[in-house]
Amino acid sequence: MEIVSPLPGTEPPHDCPRCPRLVALRAACRAEHPGWWNAPVPAFGDPAAWLAIVGLAPGKQGANRTGRPFTGDYAGDLLFATLAAFGLSQGRYDSRIDDGLTLDGAIICNSVKCLPPQNKPIPAEIAACRPFLERQLAALSEVRVMIALGRIAHDAAVRSFGGRLADYRFAHGAVHALPDGRHLVDSYHCSRYNTNTGRLTPAMFADVFRTALVLTDQTSGPNSSTSPR
């Protein structure tokens, strides 16, 4: 299935050569699962979004398989359910790229576009991929608020805007005013591990989105609701 990015011109090439470890893993996945996507995963969502969700990297059974961020793994179940609850999606999420789901007012951009070993990119890989995130965030002229899913996403977002990490400490629920006037809201990643251990609950995750809605009310005029719809 052809996958079209909502942000054309900002994505890495299908066979991006920047990170040797990720290239090697991509080749291994293509040999093992030739029917999977097995390539850099493009952004997904509304190019006119007010909210950008900055994720970590594709999961092997999720986005690396399907080609759409958070699609096909447990993290996507919670993320897309929360987006639906806040009126930020249309259609039904069914863990498939052809399920017809669209986002309305939100877009997802990962810090690292390719599957990393053990789901853990190394600093050099995060840095090598940052130009793509920077291009995407720069192209999203209507975005006023970002939600960072985890510390790596937080750091990548801060660095994309020229901020010093020492001035922006990651903490779940923390709100940061970035140098260009946008706001960054931190959340623990919606991974199976974090939810199974209780580090992140659905209620905690929903509170992060409520905070984002309040912030966009303050920066972009009235919004119809600050609670799930």
C-alpha atoms as a PDB file:
ATOM      1  CA  MET A   1       0.000   0.000   0.000  1.00  0.00           C
ATOM      2  CA  GLU A   2       1.349   3.425  -0.923  1.00  0.00           C
ATOM      3  CA  ILE A   3       1.898   5.718   2.040  1.00  0.00           C
ATOM      4  CA  VAL A   4       1.764   9.458   1.417  1.00  0.00           C
ATOM      5  CA  SER A   5       3.235  11.781   4.024  1.00  0.00           C
ATOM      6  CA  PRO A   6       1.140  14.778   5.106  1.00  0.00           C
ATOM      7  CA  LEU A   7       4.413  16.731   5.055  1.00  0.00           C
ATOM      8  CA  PRO A   8       5.967  16.062   1.635  1.00  0.00           C
ATOM      9  CA  GLY A   9       9.573  17.099   1.275  1.00  0.00           C
ATOM     10  CA  THR A  10      10.381  16.601   4.952  1.00  0.00           C
ATOM     11  CA  GLU A  11      10.835  12.836   5.063  1.00  0.00           C
ATOM     12  CA  PRO A  12      14.027  10.753   4.782  1.00  0.00           C
ATOM     13  CA  PRO A  13      14.440   8.606   1.665  1.00  0.00           C
ATOM     14  CA  HIS A  14      12.984   5.105   1.674  1.00  0.00           C
ATOM     15  CA  ASP A  15      16.503   3.646   1.977  1.00  0.00           C
ATOM     16  CA  CYS A  16      17.971   6.320   4.234  1.00  0.00           C
ATOM     17  CA  PRO A  17      21.685   5.516   4.757  1.00  0.00           C
ATOM     18  CA  ARG A  18      22.430   7.762   7.747  1.00  0.00           C
ATOM     19  CA  CYS A  19      22.613   5.224  10.579  1.00  0.00           C
ATOM     20  CA  PRO A  20      24.552   1.967  10.018  1.00  0.00           C
ATOM     21  CA  ARG A  21      22.868   0.055  12.866  1.00  0.00           C
ATOM     22  CA  LEU A  22      19.405   0.997  11.651  1.00  0.00           C
ATOM     23  CA  VAL A  23      20.273   0.198   8.036  1.00  0.00           C
ATOM     24  CA  ALA A  24      21.490  -3.258   9.095  1.00  0.00           C
ATOM     25  CA  LEU A  25      18.351  -3.928  11.123  1.00  0.00           C
ATOM     26  CA  ARG A  26      16.176  -2.721   8.249  1.00  0.00           C
ATOM     27  CA  ALA A  27      17.921  -5.173   5.891  1.00  0.00           C
ATOM     28  CA  ALA A  28      17.428  -8.016   8.364  1.00  0.00           C
ATOM     29  CA  CYS A  29      13.736  -7.206   8.739  1.00  0.00           C
ATOM     30  CA  ARG A  30      13.281  -7.049   4.984  1.00  0.00           C
ATOM     31  CA  ALA A  31      14.822 -10.502   4.652  1.00  0.00           C
ATOM     32  CA  GLU A  32      12.714 -11.929   7.473  1.00  0.00           C
ATOM     33  CA  HIS A  33       9.452 -10.095   6.717  1.00  0.00           C
ATOM     34  CA  PRO A  34       9.470  -8.940   3.079  1.00  0.00           C
ATOM     35  CA  GLY A  35       5.814  -7.944   3.215  1.00  0.00           C
ATOM     36  CA  TRP A  36       6.330  -5.400   5.998  1.00  0.00           C
ATOM     37  CA  TRP A  37       6.976  -1.682   5.511  1.00  0.00           C
ATOM     38  CA  ASN A  38      10.612  -1.915   6.778  1.00  0.00           C
ATOM     39  CA  ALA A  39      11.586   1.685   6.003  1.00  0.00           C
ATOM     40  CA  PRO A  40      11.553   5.133   7.606  1.00  0.00           C
ATOM     41  CA  VAL A  41       8.020   5.746   8.871  1.00  0.00           C
ATOM     42  CA  PRO A  42       6.478   9.032   7.711  1.00  0.00           C
ATOM     43  CA  ALA A  43       4.472  11.442   9.823  1.00  0.00           C
ATOM     44  CA  PHE A  44       0.743  10.801  10.119  1.00  0.00           C
ATOM     45  CA  GLY A  45      -2.078  13.235  10.635  1.00  0.00           C
ATOM     46  CA  ASP A  46      -3.379  16.693   9.841  1.00  0.00           C
ATOM     47  CA  PRO A  47      -0.886  19.082   8.198  1.00  0.00           C
ATOM     48  CA  ALA A  48      -2.973  21.973   9.572  1.00  0.00           C
ATOM     49  CA  ALA A  49      -2.864  20.545  13.103  1.00  0.00           C
ATOM     50  CA  TRP A  50      -2.695  22.686  16.224  1.00  0.00           C
ATOM     51  CA  LEU A  51      -1.235  19.753  18.199  1.00  0.00           C
ATOM     52  CA  ALA A  52       1.916  17.807  17.308  1.00  0.00           C
ATOM     53  CA  ILE A  53       2.681  14.563  19.108  1.00  0.00           C
ATOM     54  CA  VAL A  54       6.392  13.767  19.136  1.00  0.00           C
ATOM     55  CA  GLY A  55       6.989  10.044  19.532  1.00  0.00           C
ATOM     56  CA  LEU A  56      10.114   7.958  19.975  1.00  0.00           C
ATOM     57  CA  ALA A  57      10.669   5.518  17.095  1.00  0.00           C
ATOM     58  CA  PRO A  58       8.797   2.778  15.199  1.00  0.00           C
ATOM     59  CA  GLY A  59       8.157  -0.490  17.000  1.00  0.00           C
ATOM     60  CA  LYS A  60       9.054  -3.689  15.173  1.00  0.00           C
ATOM     61  CA  GLN A  61       5.549  -5.180  15.187  1.00  0.00           C
ATOM     62  CA  GLY A  62       3.903  -1.765  14.988  1.00  0.00           C
ATOM     63  CA  ALA A  63       4.946   1.073  12.697  1.00  0.00           C
ATOM     64  CA  ASN A  64       7.895  -0.791  11.170  1.00  0.00           C
ATOM     65  CA  ARG A  65       5.416  -3.432  10.032  1.00  0.00           C
ATOM     66  CA  THR A  66       2.509  -1.214   9.012  1.00  0.00           C
ATOM     67  CA  GLY A  67       4.216   2.026   7.946  1.00  0.00           C
ATOM     68  CA  ARG A  68       2.069   4.285  10.145  1.00  0.00           C
ATOM     69  CA  PRO A  69       3.175   5.662  13.534  1.00  0.00           C
ATOM     70  CA  PHE A  70       1.834   3.735  16.545  1.00  0.00           C
ATOM     71  CA  THR A  71      -0.238   1.452  14.335  1.00  0.00           C
ATOM     72  CA  GLY A  72      -0.277  -2.225  15.226  1.00  0.00           C
ATOM     73  CA  ASP A  73       1.146  -2.196  18.752  1.00  0.00           C
ATOM     74  CA  TYR A  74      -0.131  -1.622  22.280  1.00  0.00           C
ATOM     75  CA  ALA A  75       1.079   1.978  22.502  1.00  0.00           C
ATOM     76  CA  GLY A  76      -1.168   2.830  19.580  1.00  0.00           C
ATOM     77  CA  ASP A  77      -4.215   1.389  21.316  1.00  0.00           C
ATOM     78  CA  LEU A  78      -3.945   3.939  24.129  1.00  0.00           C
ATOM     79  CA  LEU A  79      -2.795   6.835  21.956  1.00  0.00           C
ATOM     80  CA  PHE A  80      -5.509   6.521  19.332  1.00  0.00           C
ATOM     81  CA  ALA A  81      -8.213   5.894  21.957  1.00  0.00           C
ATOM     82  CA  THR A  82      -7.160   9.109  23.679  1.00  0.00           C
ATOM     83  CA  LEU A  83      -7.106  11.069  20.430  1.00  0.00           C
ATOM     84  CA  ALA A  84     -10.634   9.826  19.699  1.00  0.00           C
ATOM     85  CA  ALA A  85     -11.828  10.769  23.177  1.00  0.00           C
ATOM     86  CA  PHE A  86     -10.665  14.339  22.625  1.00  0.00           C
ATOM     87  CA  GLY A  87     -12.201  14.649  19.165  1.00  0.00           C
ATOM     88  CA  LEU A  88      -8.846  14.609  17.407  1.00  0.00           C
ATOM     89  CA  SER A  89      -9.550  11.728  15.029  1.00  0.00           C
ATOM     90  CA  GLN A  90     -12.197  10.545  12.628  1.00  0.00           C
ATOM     91  CA  GLY A  91     -13.032   6.946  11.862  1.00  0.00           C
ATOM     92  CA  ARG A  92     -12.201   3.855  13.880  1.00  0.00           C
ATOM     93  CA  TYR A  93      -8.689   2.766  14.728  1.00  0.00           C
ATOM     94  CA  ASP A  94      -8.316  -0.908  13.879  1.00  0.00           C
ATOM     95  CA  SER A  95      -4.521  -1.408  14.041  1.00  0.00           C
ATOM     96  CA  ARG A  96      -4.313  -1.435  10.236  1.00  0.00           C
ATOM     97  CA  ILE A  97      -3.026   1.231   7.880  1.00  0.00           C
ATOM     98  CA  ASP A  98      -6.124   0.769   5.709  1.00  0.00           C
ATOM     99  CA  ASP A  99      -8.617   1.162   8.573  1.00  0.00           C
ATOM    100  CA  GLY A 100      -9.652   4.603   7.292  1.00  0.00           C
ATOM    101  CA  LEU A 101      -8.564   6.468  10.416  1.00  0.00           C
ATOM    102  CA  THR A 102      -7.646  10.133   9.998  1.00  0.00           C
ATOM    103  CA  LEU A 103      -6.524  12.747  12.512  1.00  0.00           C
ATOM    104  CA  ASP A 104      -8.226  16.127  12.844  1.00  0.00           C
ATOM    105  CA  GLY A 105      -6.180  18.846  14.523  1.00  0.00           C
ATOM    106  CA  ALA A 106      -3.316  16.521  15.440  1.00  0.00           C
ATOM    107  CA  ILE A 107      -0.252  15.065  13.778  1.00  0.00           C
ATOM    108  CA  ILE A 108       2.327  12.485  14.889  1.00  0.00           C
ATOM    109  CA  CYS A 109       6.046  12.900  14.146  1.00  0.00           C
ATOM    110  CA  ASN A 110       8.646  10.499  15.522  1.00  0.00           C
ATOM    111  CA  SER A 111      12.054  11.554  16.832  1.00  0.00           C
ATOM    112  CA  VAL A 112      13.658   8.610  15.022  1.00  0.00           C
ATOM    113  CA  LYS A 113      12.133   7.434  11.765  1.00  0.00           C
ATOM    114  CA  CYS A 114      13.544   3.901  11.590  1.00  0.00           C
ATOM    115  CA  LEU A 115      13.259   0.875  13.850  1.00  0.00           C
ATOM    116  CA  PRO A 116      16.147   0.780  16.383  1.00  0.00           C
ATOM    117  CA  PRO A 117      17.450  -2.429  18.003  1.00  0.00           C
ATOM    118  CA  GLN A 118      15.601  -3.164  21.266  1.00  0.00           C
ATOM    119  CA  ASN A 119      13.561  -0.007  20.618  1.00  0.00           C
ATOM    120  CA  LYS A 120      16.509   2.033  21.913  1.00  0.00           C
ATOM    121  CA  PRO A 121      18.139   4.473  19.501  1.00  0.00           C
ATOM    122  CA  ILE A 122      21.612   5.660  20.438  1.00  0.00           C
ATOM    123  CA  PRO A 123      22.448   9.389  20.661  1.00  0.00           C
ATOM    124  CA  ALA A 124      24.138   9.460  17.251  1.00  0.00           C
ATOM    125  CA  GLU A 125      20.997   8.053  15.607  1.00  0.00           C
ATOM    126  CA  ILE A 126      18.742  10.555  17.343  1.00  0.00           C
ATOM    127  CA  ALA A 127      21.020  13.376  16.194  1.00  0.00           C
ATOM    128  CA  ALA A 128      21.184  12.037  12.631  1.00  0.00           C
ATOM    129  CA  CYS A 129      17.397  11.951  12.404  1.00  0.00           C
ATOM    130  CA  ARG A 130      16.780  15.318  14.084  1.00  0.00           C
ATOM    131  CA  PRO A 131      16.934  17.335  10.828  1.00  0.00           C
ATOM    132  CA  PHE A 132      13.811  15.527   9.633  1.00  0.00           C
ATOM    133  CA  LEU A 133      11.962  16.327  12.858  1.00  0.00           C
ATOM    134  CA  GLU A 134      13.133  19.939  12.640  1.00  0.00           C
ATOM    135  CA  ARG A 135      11.812  20.228   9.080  1.00  0.00           C
ATOM    136  CA  GLN A 136       8.482  18.769  10.060  1.00  0.00           C
ATOM    137  CA  LEU A 137       7.974  20.955  13.111  1.00  0.00           C
ATOM    138  CA  ALA A 138       8.990  24.002  11.073  1.00  0.00           C
ATOM    139  CA  ALA A 139       6.470  23.071   8.368  1.00  0.00           C
ATOM    140  CA  LEU A 140       3.636  22.845  10.904  1.00  0.00           C
ATOM    141  CA  SER A 141       2.847  26.550  11.028  1.00  0.00           C
ATOM    142  CA  GLU A 142      -0.470  26.066  12.841  1.00  0.00           C
ATOM    143  CA  VAL A 143       0.964  23.962  15.677  1.00  0.00           C
ATOM    144  CA  ARG A 144       0.857  25.766  19.001  1.00  0.00           C
ATOM    145  CA  VAL A 145       1.291  22.846  21.383  1.00  0.00           C
ATOM    146  CA  MET A 146       3.395  19.690  21.291  1.00  0.00           C
ATOM    147  CA  ILE A 147       3.186  16.591  23.453  1.00  0.00           C
ATOM    148  CA  ALA A 148       6.467  14.715  23.900  1.00  0.00           C
ATOM    149  CA  LEU A 149       6.051  11.004  24.589  1.00  0.00           C
ATOM    150  CA  GLY A 150       9.028  10.205  26.784  1.00  0.00           C
ATOM    151  CA  ARG A 151      12.411  11.705  27.552  1.00  0.00           C
ATOM    152  CA  ILE A 152      13.985  11.057  24.141  1.00  0.00           C
ATOM    153  CA  ALA A 153      11.104  12.775  22.358  1.00  0.00           C
ATOM    154  CA  HIS A 154      11.275  15.666  24.838  1.00  0.00           C
ATOM    155  CA  ASP A 155      14.997  16.155  24.274  1.00  0.00           C
ATOM    156  CA  ALA A 156      14.621  15.943  20.491  1.00  0.00           C
ATOM    157  CA  ALA A 157      11.831  18.519  20.486  1.00  0.00           C
ATOM    158  CA  VAL A 158      13.741  20.930  22.721  1.00  0.00           C
ATOM    159  CA  ARG A 159      16.876  20.637  20.610  1.00  0.00           C
ATOM    160  CA  SER A 160      14.842  21.102  17.428  1.00  0.00           C
ATOM    161  CA  PHE A 161      13.910  24.559  18.684  1.00  0.00           C
ATOM    162  CA  GLY A 162      17.420  25.474  19.805  1.00  0.00           C
ATOM    163  CA  GLY A 163      16.724  25.079  23.505  1.00  0.00           C
ATOM    164  CA  ARG A 164      19.220  23.985  26.163  1.00  0.00           C
ATOM    165  CA  LEU A 165      18.180  20.739  27.836  1.00  0.00           C
ATOM    166  CA  ALA A 166      19.263  22.114  31.207  1.00  0.00           C
ATOM    167  CA  ASP A 167      16.536  24.742  30.877  1.00  0.00           C
ATOM    168  CA  TYR A 168      13.810  22.226  30.037  1.00  0.00           C
ATOM    169  CA  ARG A 169      13.682  19.364  32.524  1.00  0.00           C
ATOM    170  CA  PHE A 170      11.578  16.387  31.507  1.00  0.00           C
ATOM    171  CA  ALA A 171       8.808  15.465  33.948  1.00  0.00           C
ATOM    172  CA  HIS A 172       5.430  13.905  33.302  1.00  0.00           C
ATOM    173  CA  GLY A 173       2.854  16.685  33.005  1.00  0.00           C
ATOM    174  CA  ALA A 174       5.445  19.460  32.851  1.00  0.00           C
ATOM    175  CA  VAL A 175       4.752  22.403  30.532  1.00  0.00           C
ATOM    176  CA  HIS A 176       7.571  24.269  28.794  1.00  0.00           C
ATOM    177  CA  ALA A 177       7.459  27.507  26.803  1.00  0.00           C
ATOM    178  CA  LEU A 178       9.787  27.027  23.844  1.00  0.00           C
ATOM    179  CA  PRO A 179      11.894  29.820  22.318  1.00  0.00           C
ATOM    180  CA  ASP A 180       9.432  30.395  19.445  1.00  0.00           C
ATOM    181  CA  GLY A 181       6.410  30.720  21.749  1.00  0.00           C
ATOM    182  CA  ARG A 182       5.009  27.221  21.295  1.00  0.00           C
ATOM    183  CA  HIS A 183       4.395  25.024  24.326  1.00  0.00           C
ATOM    184  CA  LEU A 184       5.752  21.547  24.969  1.00  0.00           C
ATOM    185  CA  VAL A 185       3.910  19.211  27.353  1.00  0.00           C
ATOM    186  CA  ASP A 186       5.720  16.145  28.673  1.00  0.00           C
ATOM    187  CA  SER A 187       4.206  12.702  29.069  1.00  0.00           C
ATOM    188  CA  TYR A 188       5.559   9.305  29.927  1.00  0.00           C
ATOM    189  CA  HIS A 189       5.499   7.172  26.799  1.00  0.00           C
ATOM    190  CA  CYS A 190       2.279   5.205  26.307  1.00  0.00           C
ATOM    191  CA  SER A 191       4.184   1.920  26.070  1.00  0.00           C
ATOM    192  CA  ARG A 192       2.886  -1.404  27.337  1.00  0.00           C
ATOM    193  CA  TYR A 193       5.598  -1.425  30.015  1.00  0.00           C
ATOM    194  CA  ASN A 194       4.634   1.985  31.387  1.00  0.00           C
ATOM    195  CA  THR A 195       0.920   1.212  31.450  1.00  0.00           C
ATOM    196  CA  ASN A 196       1.307  -2.323  32.833  1.00  0.00           C
ATOM    197  CA  THR A 197       3.477  -1.047  35.686  1.00  0.00           C
ATOM    198  CA  GLY A 198       1.114   1.835  36.448  1.00  0.00           C
ATOM    199  CA  ARG A 199       3.721   4.466  35.687  1.00  0.00           C
ATOM    200  CA  LEU A 200       1.248   5.862  33.163  1.00  0.00           C
ATOM    201  CA  THR A 201      -2.497   5.362  33.504  1.00  0.00           C
ATOM    202  CA  PRO A 202      -5.148   6.281  30.928  1.00  0.00           C
ATOM    203  CA  ALA A 203      -6.328   9.025  33.303  1.00  0.00           C
ATOM    204  CA  MET A 204      -2.813  10.467  33.543  1.00  0.00           C
ATOM    205  CA  PHE A 205      -2.504  10.382  29.768  1.00  0.00           C
ATOM    206  CA  ALA A 206      -5.855  12.118  29.324  1.00  0.00           C
ATOM    207  CA  ASP A 207      -4.734  14.847  31.725  1.00  0.00           C
ATOM    208  CA  VAL A 208      -1.813  15.619  29.405  1.00  0.00           C
ATOM    209  CA  PHE A 209      -4.240  16.203  26.537  1.00  0.00           C
ATOM    210  CA  ARG A 210      -6.449  18.367  28.749  1.00  0.00           C
ATOM    211  CA  THR A 211      -3.403  20.481  29.490  1.00  0.00           C
ATOM    212  CA  ALA A 212      -2.690  20.776  25.767  1.00  0.00           C
ATOM    213  CA  LEU A 213      -6.242  21.956  25.127  1.00  0.00           C
ATOM    214  CA  VAL A 214      -6.002  24.592  27.841  1.00  0.00           C
ATOM    215  CA  LEU A 215      -2.729  25.833  26.365  1.00  0.00           C
ATOM    216  CA  THR A 216      -4.144  26.130  22.857  1.00  0.00           C
ATOM    217  CA  ASP A 217      -7.083  28.073  24.311  1.00  0.00           C
ATOM    218  CA  GLN A 218      -4.556  30.539  25.699  1.00  0.00           C
ATOM    219  CA  THR A 219      -2.534  30.847  22.495  1.00  0.00           C
ATOM    220  CA  SER A 220      -4.987  30.336  19.640  1.00  0.00           C
ATOM    221  CA  GLY A 221      -8.375  31.602  20.782  1.00  0.00           C
ATOM    222  CA  PRO A 222     -11.377  29.735  22.192  1.00  0.00           C
ATOM    223  CA  ASN A 223     -11.713  25.992  21.932  1.00  0.00           C
ATOM    224  CA  SER A 224     -15.001  24.159  22.202  1.00  0.00           C
ATOM    225  CA  SER A 225     -13.971  21.938  25.101  1.00  0.00           C
ATOM    226  CA  THR A 226     -11.201  21.124  27.566  1.00  0.00           C
ATOM    227  CA  SER A 227     -12.487  17.657  28.405  1.00  0.00           C
ATOM    228  CA  PRO A 228     -12.877  14.447  26.424  1.00  0.00           C
ATOM    229  CA  ARG A 229     -15.632  14.509  23.816  1.00  0.00           C
END
